[in-house]
Each structure stands twice: as structure tokens, then as C-alpha cells.
Amino acid sequence: MRTNLLRQKLNAGQPTLGTRVHNVWPAIVEAIGHSGMFDYVEFLAEYAPFDLPALDNFCRAVELFEMSAIIKVEAEPRTFLAQRGVGAGFQGVLFADVRSAADARECVRICRPDSPQDGGNFSVAMRRFTYMGYGGTPEYAETLREIVVMVMIEKQSAVDELDEILAVPGIDMLQWGPADYSLNIGMPGEAKHPKVRAVERQVIEKALKAGVPPRTEINHPSEAAYYLDLGVRHFNLGVDLSILFEWWRSNGQAMRQIFEKA
């Protein structure tokens, strides 16, 4: 079984840096890997089109480098998507739309072995991460125990039960979701509203106090200082579609201005 590099960094208390992609094309993963700057790549399966072989190929590309891969999955079918992702070689799962401590407990169960000591529901399966074995070995179980379980806090009900969620054994990281939260409380499009930012700060501070590392998504390194001052040490920098859009928009606009002056 492959070493979970993201898990190693978390266990060692080291900061981590990832980036997000909608594209399953392995060449994109390889470009990120060749940069040598990232600890993991996050595939946004919640938003992107993909098939199961694409997940295998995505992870094959990640494994060429000293990186891990995580997969973000939507609420339904949460179990199928997460377990297929782990089977393909993803070493962490980010669960969207967690609404309660019961949801958080289920997210952990999805990723853990179906054994008395683990209480999970991940059974024996012939998947790529077993390297053609049928699974069910001690190494298989240990690999599942090391899957990094991350949950999105983006619903008011999750904020209300935050202390219980933070107390769930096996929750490794939290991610604040301002866009979903603002929609959920009846303020669509107000992700940067002071009320939303205040709840974000509360979530981060509670997570740090509970010893559950919060992760923050930013679009530029200049945004990191505020979170570093709060104690955040885990960041996800940029997303492929936004990076491409901004390049096309700004450079296309510059060219249009050149045309106007010509």
C-alpha cells in the first residue's frame, strides 16, 4: 500500500498546501506535480464530470510525485463516491453538506474498515489501491484507517452542532464553506458579509481549540496572513477554472485595448 503523505504531515503537525481542480486530465495533475509546490491535489468531484476509470488515472498521475490526492464528494451518493475514490487511490475525502454530528460520524464510518475495532462500513473490495489484491489484509485495514477525513462546515445546523462534530473521533480536518453558508441562512451571494465572516472566525477558533485542524481555501497568497494570525496552517490555493478564467479575462482585455489603440 502507498504511504499517505498527507496523513504523515498532519500527524507531524506540519503545514500543508493543496490546490483544487475540476479537470481529471492526468496532464494537469502532472503539471501541478512538476511544480514541486503542493502536498496534495483535490479533485472536485462534487462539481465536475468524470467516470470511474478517470479516477484511477488521476491517482496514477499523482503517484508519480511526492503528493497525495483527495476527492470532494457531495451529499448523495456519499458512500459510493467516497469509497470508489478511496479505491482508486485518493488518500483523503472532503465531505460536502455535512449538516450534523450524525452526518460527521457517518463520514468517518464510510472511510474506515468494517471491523469491530474500527466500526466502519468499508468492506473488502478489489480496488486499485490494493494493487490487484482482493483486500482485507492487515495492511488494507491500516490504509483505510489513515484516510484523511475532512468535513465542510457550511450549514447553520452544522454550526449549531459544531462542538459535537469536533468531538467525533476520526474527523481530521474542517473546511469552512462561506458560499453555501450564506445561501443556507438566506443571504445568497453574501459570502464576505461581516456576519458570515464572524461565523467563519468562530468555527476556526473552536476547531483549533478542539485540536481539529481547520483548512482555508484562498485564491492568492496575500489572503493567507489573516488566517495565519488566527492559527490556521493548512491552505488550499486556487482552483483551475478560476485561474484560467482570470488569465483569459485579463489578457484578453489587454489585447482588446491594444486593438483600440492600433
C-alpha atoms as a PDB file:
ATOM      1  CA  MET A   1       0.000   0.000   0.000  1.00  0.00           C
ATOM      2  CA  ARG A   2       1.202   3.522  -0.766  1.00  0.00           C
ATOM      3  CA  THR A   3       2.279   5.807   2.096  1.00  0.00           C
ATOM      4  CA  ASN A   4      -0.274   8.514   2.868  1.00  0.00           C
ATOM      5  CA  LEU A   5       1.910  11.619   2.688  1.00  0.00           C
ATOM      6  CA  LEU A   6      -0.880  13.979   3.731  1.00  0.00           C
ATOM      7  CA  ARG A   7      -1.553  11.858   6.819  1.00  0.00           C
ATOM      8  CA  GLN A   8       2.143  11.915   7.684  1.00  0.00           C
ATOM      9  CA  LYS A   9       2.229  15.713   7.571  1.00  0.00           C
ATOM     10  CA  LEU A  10      -0.905  16.021   9.697  1.00  0.00           C
ATOM     11  CA  ASN A  11       0.460  13.592  12.284  1.00  0.00           C
ATOM     12  CA  ALA A  12       3.718  15.537  12.400  1.00  0.00           C
ATOM     13  CA  GLY A  13       1.918  18.847  12.888  1.00  0.00           C
ATOM     14  CA  GLN A  14       3.361  20.244   9.663  1.00  0.00           C
ATOM     15  CA  PRO A  15       1.542  22.817   7.472  1.00  0.00           C
ATOM     16  CA  THR A  16       0.028  21.595   4.215  1.00  0.00           C
ATOM     17  CA  LEU A  17      -0.722  23.185   0.877  1.00  0.00           C
ATOM     18  CA  GLY A  18      -3.076  21.861  -1.768  1.00  0.00           C
ATOM     19  CA  THR A  19      -4.800  23.063  -4.904  1.00  0.00           C
ATOM     20  CA  ARG A  20      -8.176  22.233  -6.484  1.00  0.00           C
ATOM     21  CA  VAL A  21      -9.071  21.023  -9.963  1.00  0.00           C
ATOM     22  CA  HIS A  22     -12.251  20.233 -11.878  1.00  0.00           C
ATOM     23  CA  ASN A  23     -10.292  18.514 -14.643  1.00  0.00           C
ATOM     24  CA  VAL A  24      -9.449  14.796 -14.444  1.00  0.00           C
ATOM     25  CA  TRP A  25      -6.919  15.042 -17.291  1.00  0.00           C
ATOM     26  CA  PRO A  26      -3.721  13.480 -15.860  1.00  0.00           C
ATOM     27  CA  ALA A  27      -1.536  16.070 -17.612  1.00  0.00           C
ATOM     28  CA  ILE A  28      -2.998  18.758 -15.333  1.00  0.00           C
ATOM     29  CA  VAL A  29      -2.040  16.689 -12.302  1.00  0.00           C
ATOM     30  CA  GLU A  30       1.444  16.179 -13.732  1.00  0.00           C
ATOM     31  CA  ALA A  31       1.882  19.921 -14.274  1.00  0.00           C
ATOM     32  CA  ILE A  32       0.976  20.512 -10.627  1.00  0.00           C
ATOM     33  CA  GLY A  33       3.330  17.751  -9.540  1.00  0.00           C
ATOM     34  CA  HIS A  34       6.232  19.088 -11.591  1.00  0.00           C
ATOM     35  CA  SER A  35       5.862  22.447  -9.824  1.00  0.00           C
ATOM     36  CA  GLY A  36       7.019  20.717  -6.646  1.00  0.00           C
ATOM     37  CA  MET A  37       4.958  23.129  -4.545  1.00  0.00           C
ATOM     38  CA  PHE A  38       1.952  21.134  -3.384  1.00  0.00           C
ATOM     39  CA  ASP A  39       1.343  18.410  -0.814  1.00  0.00           C
ATOM     40  CA  TYR A  40      -1.878  17.248  -2.445  1.00  0.00           C
ATOM     41  CA  VAL A  41      -4.289  17.793  -5.315  1.00  0.00           C
ATOM     42  CA  GLU A  42      -8.025  17.962  -4.627  1.00  0.00           C
ATOM     43  CA  PHE A  43     -10.390  16.709  -7.311  1.00  0.00           C
ATOM     44  CA  LEU A  44     -13.742  18.493  -7.109  1.00  0.00           C
ATOM     45  CA  ALA A  45     -15.957  15.529  -7.891  1.00  0.00           C
ATOM     46  CA  GLU A  46     -18.888  17.425  -6.361  1.00  0.00           C
ATOM     47  CA  TYR A  47     -18.873  19.733  -9.381  1.00  0.00           C
ATOM     48  CA  ALA A  48     -17.007  18.041 -12.222  1.00  0.00           C
ATOM     49  CA  PRO A  49     -17.960  15.404 -14.801  1.00  0.00           C
ATOM     50  CA  PHE A  50     -15.980  12.168 -14.543  1.00  0.00           C
ATOM     51  CA  ASP A  51     -16.160   8.409 -14.868  1.00  0.00           C
ATOM     52  CA  LEU A  52     -14.618   5.726 -12.683  1.00  0.00           C
ATOM     53  CA  PRO A  53     -11.583   4.972 -14.898  1.00  0.00           C
ATOM     54  CA  ALA A  54     -10.757   8.701 -14.809  1.00  0.00           C
ATOM     55  CA  LEU A  55     -10.389   8.493 -11.029  1.00  0.00           C
ATOM     56  CA  ASP A  56      -7.849   5.679 -11.408  1.00  0.00           C
ATOM     57  CA  ASN A  57      -5.854   7.658 -13.967  1.00  0.00           C
ATOM     58  CA  PHE A  58      -5.961  10.820 -11.854  1.00  0.00           C
ATOM     59  CA  CYS A  59      -4.410   8.933  -8.933  1.00  0.00           C
ATOM     60  CA  ARG A  60      -1.830   7.246 -11.151  1.00  0.00           C
ATOM     61  CA  ALA A  61      -0.607  10.696 -12.156  1.00  0.00           C
ATOM     62  CA  VAL A  62      -0.487  11.873  -8.520  1.00  0.00           C
ATOM     63  CA  GLU A  63       1.596   8.851  -7.576  1.00  0.00           C
ATOM     64  CA  LEU A  64       4.396   9.964  -9.900  1.00  0.00           C
ATOM     65  CA  PHE A  65       5.162  12.711  -7.378  1.00  0.00           C
ATOM     66  CA  GLU A  66       5.569  13.246  -3.638  1.00  0.00           C
ATOM     67  CA  MET A  67       1.895  14.179  -3.289  1.00  0.00           C
ATOM     68  CA  SER A  68      -1.421  12.851  -2.082  1.00  0.00           C
ATOM     69  CA  ALA A  69      -4.831  13.172  -3.705  1.00  0.00           C
ATOM     70  CA  ILE A  70      -8.136  13.978  -2.033  1.00  0.00           C
ATOM     71  CA  ILE A  71     -11.612  13.872  -3.505  1.00  0.00           C
ATOM     72  CA  LYS A  72     -14.508  16.192  -2.642  1.00  0.00           C
ATOM     73  CA  VAL A  73     -17.868  14.422  -2.752  1.00  0.00           C
ATOM     74  CA  GLU A  74     -21.440  15.650  -2.499  1.00  0.00           C
ATOM     75  CA  ALA A  75     -24.057  14.516  -0.006  1.00  0.00           C
ATOM     76  CA  GLU A  76     -25.544  11.798  -2.235  1.00  0.00           C
ATOM     77  CA  PRO A  77     -24.436   9.200  -3.099  1.00  0.00           C
ATOM     78  CA  ARG A  78     -21.823   9.968  -0.469  1.00  0.00           C
ATOM     79  CA  THR A  79     -20.829   6.404   0.387  1.00  0.00           C
ATOM     80  CA  PHE A  80     -20.461   5.204  -3.207  1.00  0.00           C
ATOM     81  CA  LEU A  81     -18.402   8.195  -4.344  1.00  0.00           C
ATOM     82  CA  ALA A  82     -16.102   8.260  -1.323  1.00  0.00           C
ATOM     83  CA  GLN A  83     -15.400   4.528  -1.341  1.00  0.00           C
ATOM     84  CA  ARG A  84     -14.834   4.433  -5.100  1.00  0.00           C
ATOM     85  CA  GLY A  85     -12.474   7.387  -4.703  1.00  0.00           C
ATOM     86  CA  VAL A  86     -10.506   5.684  -1.944  1.00  0.00           C
ATOM     87  CA  GLY A  87     -10.413   2.529  -4.020  1.00  0.00           C
ATOM     88  CA  ALA A  88      -8.936   4.475  -6.937  1.00  0.00           C
ATOM     89  CA  GLY A  89      -6.127   5.783  -4.738  1.00  0.00           C
ATOM     90  CA  PHE A  90      -7.397   9.003  -3.159  1.00  0.00           C
ATOM     91  CA  GLN A  91      -5.947   9.268   0.348  1.00  0.00           C
ATOM     92  CA  GLY A  92      -8.382  11.801   1.717  1.00  0.00           C
ATOM     93  CA  VAL A  93     -12.061  12.626   1.323  1.00  0.00           C
ATOM     94  CA  LEU A  94     -13.703  16.029   1.760  1.00  0.00           C
ATOM     95  CA  PHE A  95     -17.393  15.572   2.507  1.00  0.00           C
ATOM     96  CA  ALA A  96     -19.690  18.421   1.448  1.00  0.00           C
ATOM     97  CA  ASP A  97     -23.030  19.355   3.003  1.00  0.00           C
ATOM     98  CA  VAL A  98     -22.423  17.911   6.467  1.00  0.00           C
ATOM     99  CA  ARG A  99     -25.436  19.032   8.486  1.00  0.00           C
ATOM    100  CA  SER A 100     -24.992  17.374  11.884  1.00  0.00           C
ATOM    101  CA  ALA A 101     -22.745  15.373  14.177  1.00  0.00           C
ATOM    102  CA  ALA A 102     -24.577  12.262  12.963  1.00  0.00           C
ATOM    103  CA  ASP A 103     -23.532  13.137   9.404  1.00  0.00           C
ATOM    104  CA  ALA A 104     -19.938  13.606  10.562  1.00  0.00           C
ATOM    105  CA  ARG A 105     -19.913  10.220  12.275  1.00  0.00           C
ATOM    106  CA  GLU A 106     -21.219   8.612   9.094  1.00  0.00           C
ATOM    107  CA  CYS A 107     -18.458  10.264   7.047  1.00  0.00           C
ATOM    108  CA  VAL A 108     -15.868   8.626   9.281  1.00  0.00           C
ATOM    109  CA  ARG A 109     -17.625   5.233   9.071  1.00  0.00           C
ATOM    110  CA  ILE A 110     -17.594   5.402   5.270  1.00  0.00           C
ATOM    111  CA  CYS A 111     -13.793   5.588   5.220  1.00  0.00           C
ATOM    112  CA  ARG A 112     -12.946   3.119   7.973  1.00  0.00           C
ATOM    113  CA  PRO A 113     -12.681  -0.695   7.842  1.00  0.00           C
ATOM    114  CA  ASP A 114     -15.717  -2.836   8.524  1.00  0.00           C
ATOM    115  CA  SER A 115     -14.220  -4.351  11.662  1.00  0.00           C
ATOM    116  CA  PRO A 116     -15.230  -4.494  15.354  1.00  0.00           C
ATOM    117  CA  GLN A 117     -12.408  -2.199  16.448  1.00  0.00           C
ATOM    118  CA  ASP A 118     -12.988   0.377  13.697  1.00  0.00           C
ATOM    119  CA  GLY A 119     -16.772   0.388  13.405  1.00  0.00           C
ATOM    120  CA  GLY A 120     -16.614   1.396   9.755  1.00  0.00           C
ATOM    121  CA  ASN A 121     -18.522   0.171   6.724  1.00  0.00           C
ATOM    122  CA  PHE A 122     -15.694  -0.085   4.137  1.00  0.00           C
ATOM    123  CA  SER A 123     -15.700  -3.782   3.289  1.00  0.00           C
ATOM    124  CA  VAL A 124     -13.236  -5.936   1.385  1.00  0.00           C
ATOM    125  CA  ALA A 125     -13.110  -4.927  -2.267  1.00  0.00           C
ATOM    126  CA  MET A 126     -10.778  -5.493  -5.186  1.00  0.00           C
ATOM    127  CA  ARG A 127      -9.836  -1.913  -5.977  1.00  0.00           C
ATOM    128  CA  ARG A 128      -6.817  -0.232  -7.464  1.00  0.00           C
ATOM    129  CA  PHE A 129      -5.384   0.797  -4.100  1.00  0.00           C
ATOM    130  CA  THR A 130      -4.989  -2.881  -3.166  1.00  0.00           C
ATOM    131  CA  TYR A 131      -2.576  -3.316  -6.119  1.00  0.00           C
ATOM    132  CA  MET A 132      -4.565  -6.195  -7.592  1.00  0.00           C
ATOM    133  CA  GLY A 133      -5.068  -7.928  -4.272  1.00  0.00           C
ATOM    134  CA  TYR A 134      -8.570  -8.657  -3.040  1.00  0.00           C
ATOM    135  CA  GLY A 135      -8.042  -6.659   0.125  1.00  0.00           C
ATOM    136  CA  GLY A 136      -8.980  -7.490   3.686  1.00  0.00           C
ATOM    137  CA  THR A 137      -5.392  -7.821   4.904  1.00  0.00           C
ATOM    138  CA  PRO A 138      -3.990  -6.005   7.946  1.00  0.00           C
ATOM    139  CA  GLU A 139      -2.294  -3.594   5.513  1.00  0.00           C
ATOM    140  CA  TYR A 140      -5.648  -2.981   3.805  1.00  0.00           C
ATOM    141  CA  ALA A 141      -7.274  -2.104   7.139  1.00  0.00           C
ATOM    142  CA  GLU A 142      -4.391   0.165   8.131  1.00  0.00           C
ATOM    143  CA  THR A 143      -4.591   2.028   4.827  1.00  0.00           C
ATOM    144  CA  LEU A 144      -8.274   2.754   5.484  1.00  0.00           C
ATOM    145  CA  ARG A 145      -7.504   3.946   8.999  1.00  0.00           C
ATOM    146  CA  GLU A 146      -5.123   6.509   7.537  1.00  0.00           C
ATOM    147  CA  ILE A 147      -7.584   8.019   5.054  1.00  0.00           C
ATOM    148  CA  VAL A 148      -7.851  11.720   5.905  1.00  0.00           C
ATOM    149  CA  VAL A 149     -11.475  12.581   6.673  1.00  0.00           C
ATOM    150  CA  MET A 150     -12.407  16.221   6.102  1.00  0.00           C
ATOM    151  CA  VAL A 151     -15.856  17.793   6.507  1.00  0.00           C
ATOM    152  CA  MET A 152     -17.346  21.010   5.186  1.00  0.00           C
ATOM    153  CA  ILE A 153     -18.980  23.302   7.745  1.00  0.00           C
ATOM    154  CA  GLU A 154     -21.408  25.223   5.552  1.00  0.00           C
ATOM    155  CA  LYS A 155     -24.880  24.801   7.072  1.00  0.00           C
ATOM    156  CA  GLN A 156     -26.370  26.551  10.092  1.00  0.00           C
ATOM    157  CA  SER A 157     -27.273  23.195  11.617  1.00  0.00           C
ATOM    158  CA  ALA A 158     -23.599  22.146  11.413  1.00  0.00           C
ATOM    159  CA  VAL A 159     -22.558  25.395  13.097  1.00  0.00           C
ATOM    160  CA  ASP A 160     -25.151  24.739  15.815  1.00  0.00           C
ATOM    161  CA  GLU A 161     -23.681  21.252  16.399  1.00  0.00           C
ATOM    162  CA  LEU A 162     -20.059  22.267  15.871  1.00  0.00           C
ATOM    163  CA  ASP A 163     -18.879  21.208  19.340  1.00  0.00           C
ATOM    164  CA  GLU A 164     -20.372  17.734  18.790  1.00  0.00           C
ATOM    165  CA  ILE A 165     -18.855  17.492  15.305  1.00  0.00           C
ATOM    166  CA  LEU A 166     -15.422  18.441  16.622  1.00  0.00           C
ATOM    167  CA  ALA A 167     -15.738  15.696  19.243  1.00  0.00           C
ATOM    168  CA  VAL A 168     -16.365  12.961  16.632  1.00  0.00           C
ATOM    169  CA  PRO A 169     -13.361  10.590  16.656  1.00  0.00           C
ATOM    170  CA  GLY A 170     -11.749  10.394  13.222  1.00  0.00           C
ATOM    171  CA  ILE A 171     -12.559  13.879  11.955  1.00  0.00           C
ATOM    172  CA  ASP A 172      -9.149  15.050  10.758  1.00  0.00           C
ATOM    173  CA  MET A 173      -9.816  18.498   9.265  1.00  0.00           C
ATOM    174  CA  LEU A 174     -12.565  21.102   8.833  1.00  0.00           C
ATOM    175  CA  GLN A 175     -13.236  23.378   5.881  1.00  0.00           C
ATOM    176  CA  TRP A 176     -15.467  26.445   6.089  1.00  0.00           C
ATOM    177  CA  GLY A 177     -17.903  26.929   3.190  1.00  0.00           C
ATOM    178  CA  PRO A 178     -18.983  30.598   3.061  1.00  0.00           C
ATOM    179  CA  ALA A 179     -20.950  30.420  -0.208  1.00  0.00           C
ATOM    180  CA  ASP A 180     -23.147  27.542   0.922  1.00  0.00           C
ATOM    181  CA  TYR A 181     -23.492  29.014   4.404  1.00  0.00           C
ATOM    182  CA  SER A 182     -24.659  32.400   3.121  1.00  0.00           C
ATOM    183  CA  LEU A 183     -27.256  30.663   0.930  1.00  0.00           C
ATOM    184  CA  ASN A 184     -28.332  28.417   3.795  1.00  0.00           C
ATOM    185  CA  ILE A 185     -29.058  31.371   6.108  1.00  0.00           C
ATOM    186  CA  GLY A 186     -30.985  33.307   3.457  1.00  0.00           C
ATOM    187  CA  MET A 187     -28.182  35.622   2.324  1.00  0.00           C
ATOM    188  CA  PRO A 188     -27.258  34.248  -1.128  1.00  0.00           C
ATOM    189  CA  GLY A 189     -24.157  35.786  -2.659  1.00  0.00           C
ATOM    190  CA  GLU A 190     -23.063  37.346   0.636  1.00  0.00           C
ATOM    191  CA  ALA A 191     -20.109  35.056   1.369  1.00  0.00           C
ATOM    192  CA  LYS A 192     -17.986  38.023   2.516  1.00  0.00           C
ATOM    193  CA  HIS A 193     -20.691  39.642   4.648  1.00  0.00           C
ATOM    194  CA  PRO A 194     -19.437  40.571   8.158  1.00  0.00           C
ATOM    195  CA  LYS A 195     -21.995  38.213   9.703  1.00  0.00           C
ATOM    196  CA  VAL A 196     -20.687  35.298   7.631  1.00  0.00           C
ATOM    197  CA  ARG A 197     -17.048  36.216   8.333  1.00  0.00           C
ATOM    198  CA  ALA A 198     -17.790  36.333  12.065  1.00  0.00           C
ATOM    199  CA  VAL A 199     -19.172  32.786  11.999  1.00  0.00           C
ATOM    200  CA  GLU A 200     -16.145  31.653   9.975  1.00  0.00           C
ATOM    201  CA  ARG A 201     -13.851  33.027  12.683  1.00  0.00           C
ATOM    202  CA  GLN A 202     -15.888  31.291  15.357  1.00  0.00           C
ATOM    203  CA  VAL A 203     -15.643  27.969  13.505  1.00  0.00           C
ATOM    204  CA  ILE A 204     -11.867  28.300  13.066  1.00  0.00           C
ATOM    205  CA  GLU A 205     -11.283  29.262  16.694  1.00  0.00           C
ATOM    206  CA  LYS A 206     -13.398  26.382  18.003  1.00  0.00           C
ATOM    207  CA  ALA A 207     -11.671  23.892  15.704  1.00  0.00           C
ATOM    208  CA  LEU A 208      -8.225  24.999  16.831  1.00  0.00           C
ATOM    209  CA  LYS A 209      -9.251  24.798  20.480  1.00  0.00           C
ATOM    210  CA  ALA A 210     -10.571  21.267  19.915  1.00  0.00           C
ATOM    211  CA  GLY A 211      -7.370  20.200  18.171  1.00  0.00           C
ATOM    212  CA  VAL A 212      -9.032  19.631  14.782  1.00  0.00           C
ATOM    213  CA  PRO A 213      -7.012  21.476  12.118  1.00  0.00           C
ATOM    214  CA  PRO A 214      -9.067  23.910  10.026  1.00  0.00           C
ATOM    215  CA  ARG A 215      -8.191  24.313   6.367  1.00  0.00           C
ATOM    216  CA  THR A 216      -8.802  27.504   4.410  1.00  0.00           C
ATOM    217  CA  GLU A 217      -9.359  27.948   0.674  1.00  0.00           C
ATOM    218  CA  ILE A 218      -7.707  31.056  -0.740  1.00  0.00           C
ATOM    219  CA  ASN A 219      -7.111  32.370  -4.251  1.00  0.00           C
ATOM    220  CA  HIS A 220      -3.872  34.289  -3.645  1.00  0.00           C
ATOM    221  CA  PRO A 221      -1.033  34.067  -1.090  1.00  0.00           C
ATOM    222  CA  SER A 222      -1.845  37.622   0.044  1.00  0.00           C
ATOM    223  CA  GLU A 223      -5.052  36.254   1.613  1.00  0.00           C
ATOM    224  CA  ALA A 224      -3.145  33.924   3.950  1.00  0.00           C
ATOM    225  CA  ALA A 225      -1.991  36.468   6.559  1.00  0.00           C
ATOM    226  CA  TYR A 226      -5.407  36.875   8.238  1.00  0.00           C
ATOM    227  CA  TYR A 227      -5.758  33.110   8.666  1.00  0.00           C
ATOM    228  CA  LEU A 228      -2.161  32.600   9.756  1.00  0.00           C
ATOM    229  CA  ASP A 229      -2.760  35.124  12.525  1.00  0.00           C
ATOM    230  CA  LEU A 230      -5.744  33.049  13.665  1.00  0.00           C
ATOM    231  CA  GLY A 231      -3.549  29.937  13.805  1.00  0.00           C
ATOM    232  CA  VAL A 232      -4.512  28.239  10.526  1.00  0.00           C
ATOM    233  CA  ARG A 233      -1.681  26.210   8.978  1.00  0.00           C
ATOM    234  CA  HIS A 234      -3.483  24.332   6.218  1.00  0.00           C
ATOM    235  CA  PHE A 235      -4.350  26.048   2.950  1.00  0.00           C
ATOM    236  CA  ASN A 236      -5.765  25.200  -0.450  1.00  0.00           C
ATOM    237  CA  LEU A 237      -4.570  27.662  -3.061  1.00  0.00           C
ATOM    238  CA  GLY A 238      -6.562  28.370  -6.218  1.00  0.00           C
ATOM    239  CA  VAL A 239      -8.817  26.359  -8.496  1.00  0.00           C
ATOM    240  CA  ASP A 240      -8.152  25.559 -12.131  1.00  0.00           C
ATOM    241  CA  LEU A 241     -11.257  27.123 -13.731  1.00  0.00           C
ATOM    242  CA  SER A 242     -10.819  30.413 -11.868  1.00  0.00           C
ATOM    243  CA  ILE A 243      -7.109  30.525 -12.746  1.00  0.00           C
ATOM    244  CA  LEU A 244      -7.878  30.027 -16.448  1.00  0.00           C
ATOM    245  CA  PHE A 245     -10.788  32.478 -16.429  1.00  0.00           C
ATOM    246  CA  GLU A 246      -8.742  35.250 -14.820  1.00  0.00           C
ATOM    247  CA  TRP A 247      -5.891  34.742 -17.296  1.00  0.00           C
ATOM    248  CA  TRP A 248      -8.234  34.782 -20.286  1.00  0.00           C
ATOM    249  CA  ARG A 249     -10.196  37.768 -18.982  1.00  0.00           C
ATOM    250  CA  SER A 250      -7.254  39.996 -18.042  1.00  0.00           C
ATOM    251  CA  ASN A 251      -5.050  39.177 -21.021  1.00  0.00           C
ATOM    252  CA  GLY A 252      -7.951  39.212 -23.456  1.00  0.00           C
ATOM    253  CA  GLN A 253      -8.935  42.641 -22.155  1.00  0.00           C
ATOM    254  CA  ALA A 254      -5.349  43.848 -22.569  1.00  0.00           C
ATOM    255  CA  MET A 255      -5.326  42.692 -26.171  1.00  0.00           C
ATOM    256  CA  ARG A 256      -8.672  44.404 -26.854  1.00  0.00           C
ATOM    257  CA  GLN A 257      -7.217  47.631 -25.500  1.00  0.00           C
ATOM    258  CA  ILE A 258      -4.234  47.208 -27.830  1.00  0.00           C
ATOM    259  CA  PHE A 259      -6.615  46.806 -30.758  1.00  0.00           C
ATOM    260  CA  GLU A 260      -8.434  50.016 -29.793  1.00  0.00           C
ATOM    261  CA  LYS A 261      -5.162  51.961 -29.806  1.00  0.00           C
ATOM    262  CA  ALA A 262      -3.838  50.440 -33.025  1.00  0.00           C
END
